[in-house]
């Protein structure tokens, strides 16, 4: 498993808790409508990116990000089981109040699109069983939300994520950065409706 990065890795040695959060990963009972912990997912069969951000009073706070990797040498069902188990473990660890995922984008390789669709299915099942609502966004909607343009390149997306979340470095790897962008989009999308 690839190590993940947490808010504790920030230069100041950590962060103060937002109102409504009792401890790292705890859900708010008294302030559920204004405090949101969002888990973003960039679904993949070989590499699934994930990222967690807090959103409160129009402010973001970076919590953690990483990737779930599966080996092409492993049996298909075992790979799906690993993705499911890891997403479920992460939801227990970080207690998101909601989730966000990039919609499936069909490129030329249909067989890999089927595998990604299966990965999306086990991820959605995990969220369903944990009673975590999951929103889905098109890739260009995520880029628009994070950069202001729907055809932004990866570098601009990553740079804007770094700025929005107050991170010292650009989030890596790409799949984890895309997951953080999905989480930011969920916060921006719902906030614009209120």
C-alpha atoms as a PDB file:
ATOM      1  CA  UNK A   1       0.000   0.000   0.000  1.00  0.00           C
ATOM      2  CA  UNK A   2       1.205   3.488  -0.841  1.00  0.00           C
ATOM      3  CA  UNK A   3       1.456   5.767   2.200  1.00  0.00           C
ATOM      4  CA  UNK A   4      -1.045   8.595   2.339  1.00  0.00           C
ATOM      5  CA  UNK A   5      -0.532  12.163   3.421  1.00  0.00           C
ATOM      6  CA  UNK A   6      -2.524  13.809   6.157  1.00  0.00           C
ATOM      7  CA  UNK A   7      -3.154  17.292   7.446  1.00  0.00           C
ATOM      8  CA  UNK A   8      -0.621  16.455  10.142  1.00  0.00           C
ATOM      9  CA  UNK A   9       2.049  16.533   7.394  1.00  0.00           C
ATOM     10  CA  UNK A  10       1.507  20.258   6.907  1.00  0.00           C
ATOM     11  CA  UNK A  11       4.416  22.585   7.750  1.00  0.00           C
ATOM     12  CA  UNK A  12       2.834  23.876  10.964  1.00  0.00           C
ATOM     13  CA  UNK A  13       2.746  20.319  12.344  1.00  0.00           C
ATOM     14  CA  UNK A  14      -1.015  19.947  12.166  1.00  0.00           C
ATOM     15  CA  UNK A  15      -4.160  21.955  12.153  1.00  0.00           C
ATOM     16  CA  UNK A  16      -6.779  23.118  14.569  1.00  0.00           C
ATOM     17  CA  UNK A  17     -10.159  21.448  14.473  1.00  0.00           C
ATOM     18  CA  UNK A  18     -12.983  23.137  12.659  1.00  0.00           C
ATOM     19  CA  UNK A  19     -16.154  23.965  14.584  1.00  0.00           C
ATOM     20  CA  UNK A  20     -18.356  20.907  14.743  1.00  0.00           C
ATOM     21  CA  UNK A  21     -15.523  18.376  14.634  1.00  0.00           C
ATOM     22  CA  UNK A  22     -14.715  16.702  17.918  1.00  0.00           C
ATOM     23  CA  UNK A  23     -11.588  14.885  16.757  1.00  0.00           C
ATOM     24  CA  UNK A  24      -9.740  13.904  13.597  1.00  0.00           C
ATOM     25  CA  UNK A  25     -12.270  11.981  11.546  1.00  0.00           C
ATOM     26  CA  UNK A  26     -15.247  12.584  13.825  1.00  0.00           C
ATOM     27  CA  UNK A  27     -18.594  13.609  12.427  1.00  0.00           C
ATOM     28  CA  UNK A  28     -20.307  16.650  13.771  1.00  0.00           C
ATOM     29  CA  UNK A  29     -23.560  15.994  15.629  1.00  0.00           C
ATOM     30  CA  UNK A  30     -24.306  19.599  16.541  1.00  0.00           C
ATOM     31  CA  UNK A  31     -23.335  21.359  13.322  1.00  0.00           C
ATOM     32  CA  UNK A  32     -24.083  18.892  10.494  1.00  0.00           C
ATOM     33  CA  UNK A  33     -25.575  21.445   8.100  1.00  0.00           C
ATOM     34  CA  UNK A  34     -22.573  23.754   8.063  1.00  0.00           C
ATOM     35  CA  UNK A  35     -19.628  21.392   8.612  1.00  0.00           C
ATOM     36  CA  UNK A  36     -18.937  18.950   5.797  1.00  0.00           C
ATOM     37  CA  UNK A  37     -16.235  16.329   5.427  1.00  0.00           C
ATOM     38  CA  UNK A  38     -16.061  15.274   1.787  1.00  0.00           C
ATOM     39  CA  UNK A  39     -14.249  12.252   0.395  1.00  0.00           C
ATOM     40  CA  UNK A  40     -13.402  12.603  -3.283  1.00  0.00           C
ATOM     41  CA  UNK A  41     -12.692   9.559  -5.432  1.00  0.00           C
ATOM     42  CA  UNK A  42     -10.992   9.218  -8.805  1.00  0.00           C
ATOM     43  CA  UNK A  43     -12.058   5.668  -9.644  1.00  0.00           C
ATOM     44  CA  UNK A  44      -9.669   3.318 -11.369  1.00  0.00           C
ATOM     45  CA  UNK A  45      -9.008  -0.399 -11.533  1.00  0.00           C
ATOM     46  CA  UNK A  46      -5.215  -0.263 -11.241  1.00  0.00           C
ATOM     47  CA  UNK A  47      -5.111   2.948  -9.193  1.00  0.00           C
ATOM     48  CA  UNK A  48      -8.006   4.607  -7.356  1.00  0.00           C
ATOM     49  CA  UNK A  49      -7.290   8.080  -6.024  1.00  0.00           C
ATOM     50  CA  UNK A  50      -8.895   9.359  -2.846  1.00  0.00           C
ATOM     51  CA  UNK A  51      -8.836  12.645  -1.012  1.00  0.00           C
ATOM     52  CA  UNK A  52     -10.560  14.079   2.047  1.00  0.00           C
ATOM     53  CA  UNK A  53     -11.295  17.748   2.708  1.00  0.00           C
ATOM     54  CA  UNK A  54     -13.320  19.601   5.304  1.00  0.00           C
ATOM     55  CA  UNK A  55     -15.564  22.436   4.199  1.00  0.00           C
ATOM     56  CA  UNK A  56     -16.941  24.973   6.656  1.00  0.00           C
ATOM     57  CA  UNK A  57     -18.163  28.525   6.217  1.00  0.00           C
ATOM     58  CA  UNK A  58     -16.868  28.744   2.607  1.00  0.00           C
ATOM     59  CA  UNK A  59     -13.385  27.550   3.646  1.00  0.00           C
ATOM     60  CA  UNK A  60     -11.543  24.365   2.762  1.00  0.00           C
ATOM     61  CA  UNK A  61      -9.237  22.397   4.992  1.00  0.00           C
ATOM     62  CA  UNK A  62      -7.058  19.650   3.581  1.00  0.00           C
ATOM     63  CA  UNK A  63      -7.216  16.398   5.561  1.00  0.00           C
ATOM     64  CA  UNK A  64      -5.563  13.567   3.597  1.00  0.00           C
ATOM     65  CA  UNK A  65      -5.056  11.974   0.192  1.00  0.00           C
ATOM     66  CA  UNK A  66      -3.596   8.842  -1.371  1.00  0.00           C
ATOM     67  CA  UNK A  67      -4.157   6.017  -3.812  1.00  0.00           C
ATOM     68  CA  UNK A  68      -5.394   2.449  -3.627  1.00  0.00           C
ATOM     69  CA  UNK A  69      -3.402   0.282  -6.006  1.00  0.00           C
ATOM     70  CA  UNK A  70      -4.108  -3.197  -7.306  1.00  0.00           C
ATOM     71  CA  UNK A  71      -1.658  -5.510  -8.992  1.00  0.00           C
ATOM     72  CA  UNK A  72      -2.349  -6.659 -12.557  1.00  0.00           C
ATOM     73  CA  UNK A  73      -1.007 -10.055 -11.418  1.00  0.00           C
ATOM     74  CA  UNK A  74      -3.915 -10.468  -8.972  1.00  0.00           C
ATOM     75  CA  UNK A  75      -7.192 -12.120  -9.893  1.00  0.00           C
ATOM     76  CA  UNK A  76      -9.896  -9.723 -11.109  1.00  0.00           C
ATOM     77  CA  UNK A  77     -12.275 -10.316  -8.198  1.00  0.00           C
ATOM     78  CA  UNK A  78      -9.494  -9.927  -5.635  1.00  0.00           C
ATOM     79  CA  UNK A  79      -8.612  -6.552  -7.115  1.00  0.00           C
ATOM     80  CA  UNK A  80     -12.220  -5.376  -6.818  1.00  0.00           C
ATOM     81  CA  UNK A  81     -12.370  -6.740  -3.260  1.00  0.00           C
ATOM     82  CA  UNK A  82      -9.211  -4.824  -2.344  1.00  0.00           C
ATOM     83  CA  UNK A  83     -10.662  -1.559  -3.695  1.00  0.00           C
ATOM     84  CA  UNK A  84     -13.904  -2.150  -1.788  1.00  0.00           C
ATOM     85  CA  UNK A  85     -12.142  -3.037   1.474  1.00  0.00           C
ATOM     86  CA  UNK A  86      -9.796  -0.040   1.301  1.00  0.00           C
ATOM     87  CA  UNK A  87     -12.558   2.484   0.524  1.00  0.00           C
ATOM     88  CA  UNK A  88     -14.607   1.057   3.403  1.00  0.00           C
ATOM     89  CA  UNK A  89     -11.576   1.293   5.699  1.00  0.00           C
ATOM     90  CA  UNK A  90     -11.000   4.918   4.665  1.00  0.00           C
ATOM     91  CA  UNK A  91     -14.642   5.848   5.254  1.00  0.00           C
ATOM     92  CA  UNK A  92     -14.394   4.427   8.775  1.00  0.00           C
ATOM     93  CA  UNK A  93     -11.095   6.216   9.379  1.00  0.00           C
ATOM     94  CA  UNK A  94     -12.127   9.671   8.099  1.00  0.00           C
ATOM     95  CA  UNK A  95     -15.933   9.580   8.610  1.00  0.00           C
ATOM     96  CA  UNK A  96     -16.961  11.641   5.567  1.00  0.00           C
ATOM     97  CA  UNK A  97     -20.423  13.175   5.614  1.00  0.00           C
ATOM     98  CA  UNK A  98     -20.564  12.866   1.818  1.00  0.00           C
ATOM     99  CA  UNK A  99     -18.574  11.635  -1.153  1.00  0.00           C
ATOM    100  CA  UNK A 100     -17.881  12.790  -4.674  1.00  0.00           C
ATOM    101  CA  UNK A 101     -16.708  10.835  -7.689  1.00  0.00           C
ATOM    102  CA  UNK A 102     -15.692  11.558 -11.245  1.00  0.00           C
ATOM    103  CA  UNK A 103     -18.167  10.144 -13.769  1.00  0.00           C
ATOM    104  CA  UNK A 104     -16.971   7.411 -16.065  1.00  0.00           C
ATOM    105  CA  UNK A 105     -15.321   8.819 -19.166  1.00  0.00           C
ATOM    106  CA  UNK A 106     -15.206   6.469 -22.142  1.00  0.00           C
ATOM    107  CA  UNK A 107     -12.020   6.763 -24.102  1.00  0.00           C
ATOM    108  CA  UNK A 108     -10.927   4.370 -26.829  1.00  0.00           C
ATOM    109  CA  UNK A 109     -10.172   1.392 -24.579  1.00  0.00           C
ATOM    110  CA  UNK A 110     -13.587  -0.114 -23.842  1.00  0.00           C
ATOM    111  CA  UNK A 111     -12.204  -3.107 -21.925  1.00  0.00           C
ATOM    112  CA  UNK A 112     -10.478  -0.848 -19.390  1.00  0.00           C
ATOM    113  CA  UNK A 113     -13.668   1.224 -19.136  1.00  0.00           C
ATOM    114  CA  UNK A 114     -15.543  -1.916 -18.047  1.00  0.00           C
ATOM    115  CA  UNK A 115     -12.986  -2.589 -15.298  1.00  0.00           C
ATOM    116  CA  UNK A 116     -13.228   1.025 -14.114  1.00  0.00           C
ATOM    117  CA  UNK A 117     -17.037   0.734 -14.127  1.00  0.00           C
ATOM    118  CA  UNK A 118     -16.760  -2.332 -11.895  1.00  0.00           C
ATOM    119  CA  UNK A 119     -14.433  -0.445  -9.535  1.00  0.00           C
ATOM    120  CA  UNK A 120     -16.946   2.415  -9.429  1.00  0.00           C
ATOM    121  CA  UNK A 121     -19.636  -0.104  -8.538  1.00  0.00           C
ATOM    122  CA  UNK A 122     -17.823  -1.512  -5.504  1.00  0.00           C
ATOM    123  CA  UNK A 123     -16.940   2.020  -4.362  1.00  0.00           C
ATOM    124  CA  UNK A 124     -20.565   3.119  -4.626  1.00  0.00           C
ATOM    125  CA  UNK A 125     -21.633  -0.017  -2.729  1.00  0.00           C
ATOM    126  CA  UNK A 126     -19.272   0.899   0.104  1.00  0.00           C
ATOM    127  CA  UNK A 127     -20.721   4.414   0.309  1.00  0.00           C
ATOM    128  CA  UNK A 128     -24.274   3.032   0.152  1.00  0.00           C
ATOM    129  CA  UNK A 129     -23.633   0.574   2.990  1.00  0.00           C
ATOM    130  CA  UNK A 130     -22.082   3.376   5.083  1.00  0.00           C
ATOM    131  CA  UNK A 131     -25.056   5.666   4.328  1.00  0.00           C
ATOM    132  CA  UNK A 132     -22.785   8.255   2.693  1.00  0.00           C
ATOM    133  CA  UNK A 133     -24.373  10.153  -0.212  1.00  0.00           C
ATOM    134  CA  UNK A 134     -22.171  10.203  -3.308  1.00  0.00           C
ATOM    135  CA  UNK A 135     -22.388  12.892  -5.984  1.00  0.00           C
ATOM    136  CA  UNK A 136     -20.945  12.376  -9.460  1.00  0.00           C
ATOM    137  CA  UNK A 137     -19.475  15.000 -11.761  1.00  0.00           C
ATOM    138  CA  UNK A 138     -18.223  15.044 -15.330  1.00  0.00           C
ATOM    139  CA  UNK A 139     -14.452  15.575 -15.701  1.00  0.00           C
ATOM    140  CA  UNK A 140     -14.917  18.989 -17.352  1.00  0.00           C
ATOM    141  CA  UNK A 141     -17.257  20.088 -14.520  1.00  0.00           C
ATOM    142  CA  UNK A 142     -14.537  19.235 -11.997  1.00  0.00           C
ATOM    143  CA  UNK A 143     -11.934  21.181 -13.989  1.00  0.00           C
ATOM    144  CA  UNK A 144     -14.315  24.138 -14.279  1.00  0.00           C
ATOM    145  CA  UNK A 145     -15.003  24.105 -10.547  1.00  0.00           C
ATOM    146  CA  UNK A 146     -11.328  24.047  -9.579  1.00  0.00           C
ATOM    147  CA  UNK A 147      -9.809  26.287 -12.293  1.00  0.00           C
ATOM    148  CA  UNK A 148     -12.608  28.285 -13.912  1.00  0.00           C
ATOM    149  CA  UNK A 149     -12.198  26.518 -17.266  1.00  0.00           C
ATOM    150  CA  UNK A 150     -13.521  23.128 -18.353  1.00  0.00           C
ATOM    151  CA  UNK A 151     -10.522  22.315 -20.546  1.00  0.00           C
ATOM    152  CA  UNK A 152      -7.746  22.954 -18.019  1.00  0.00           C
ATOM    153  CA  UNK A 153      -4.666  20.756 -18.077  1.00  0.00           C
ATOM    154  CA  UNK A 154      -3.545  18.595 -15.157  1.00  0.00           C
ATOM    155  CA  UNK A 155      -0.851  21.078 -14.122  1.00  0.00           C
ATOM    156  CA  UNK A 156      -3.330  23.942 -13.698  1.00  0.00           C
ATOM    157  CA  UNK A 157      -5.776  21.696 -11.828  1.00  0.00           C
ATOM    158  CA  UNK A 158      -3.047  20.511  -9.443  1.00  0.00           C
ATOM    159  CA  UNK A 159      -1.724  24.025  -8.872  1.00  0.00           C
ATOM    160  CA  UNK A 160      -5.201  25.335  -8.064  1.00  0.00           C
ATOM    161  CA  UNK A 161      -5.841  22.424  -5.678  1.00  0.00           C
ATOM    162  CA  UNK A 162      -2.602  23.299  -3.885  1.00  0.00           C
ATOM    163  CA  UNK A 163      -3.718  26.929  -3.561  1.00  0.00           C
ATOM    164  CA  UNK A 164      -7.329  26.189  -2.556  1.00  0.00           C
ATOM    165  CA  UNK A 165      -6.265  23.714   0.126  1.00  0.00           C
ATOM    166  CA  UNK A 166      -3.248  25.702   1.334  1.00  0.00           C
ATOM    167  CA  UNK A 167      -0.861  22.850   0.623  1.00  0.00           C
ATOM    168  CA  UNK A 168       2.884  23.388   0.494  1.00  0.00           C
ATOM    169  CA  UNK A 169       3.361  21.105  -2.535  1.00  0.00           C
ATOM    170  CA  UNK A 170       1.253  20.023  -5.483  1.00  0.00           C
ATOM    171  CA  UNK A 171      -0.699  16.903  -4.492  1.00  0.00           C
ATOM    172  CA  UNK A 172       0.699  13.702  -5.981  1.00  0.00           C
ATOM    173  CA  UNK A 173       0.050  11.262  -7.549  1.00  0.00           C
ATOM    174  CA  UNK A 174      -2.332  12.453 -10.270  1.00  0.00           C
ATOM    175  CA  UNK A 175      -5.192  10.155  -9.228  1.00  0.00           C
ATOM    176  CA  UNK A 176      -5.121  11.508  -5.672  1.00  0.00           C
ATOM    177  CA  UNK A 177      -5.061  15.099  -6.958  1.00  0.00           C
ATOM    178  CA  UNK A 178      -8.095  14.326  -9.144  1.00  0.00           C
ATOM    179  CA  UNK A 179      -9.875  12.914  -6.094  1.00  0.00           C
ATOM    180  CA  UNK A 180      -9.198  16.111  -4.122  1.00  0.00           C
ATOM    181  CA  UNK A 181     -10.583  18.076  -7.087  1.00  0.00           C
ATOM    182  CA  UNK A 182     -13.759  15.951  -6.975  1.00  0.00           C
ATOM    183  CA  UNK A 183     -14.172  16.746  -3.266  1.00  0.00           C
ATOM    184  CA  UNK A 184     -13.684  20.476  -3.881  1.00  0.00           C
ATOM    185  CA  UNK A 185     -16.256  20.322  -6.686  1.00  0.00           C
ATOM    186  CA  UNK A 186     -18.857  18.756  -4.395  1.00  0.00           C
ATOM    187  CA  UNK A 187     -18.397  21.604  -1.915  1.00  0.00           C
ATOM    188  CA  UNK A 188     -18.499  24.274  -4.642  1.00  0.00           C
ATOM    189  CA  UNK A 189     -21.495  22.755  -6.397  1.00  0.00           C
ATOM    190  CA  UNK A 190     -23.684  22.477  -3.320  1.00  0.00           C
ATOM    191  CA  UNK A 191     -22.557  25.879  -1.987  1.00  0.00           C
ATOM    192  CA  UNK A 192     -23.596  27.545  -5.245  1.00  0.00           C
ATOM    193  CA  UNK A 193     -27.093  26.090  -4.833  1.00  0.00           C
ATOM    194  CA  UNK A 194     -27.558  27.556  -1.334  1.00  0.00           C
END
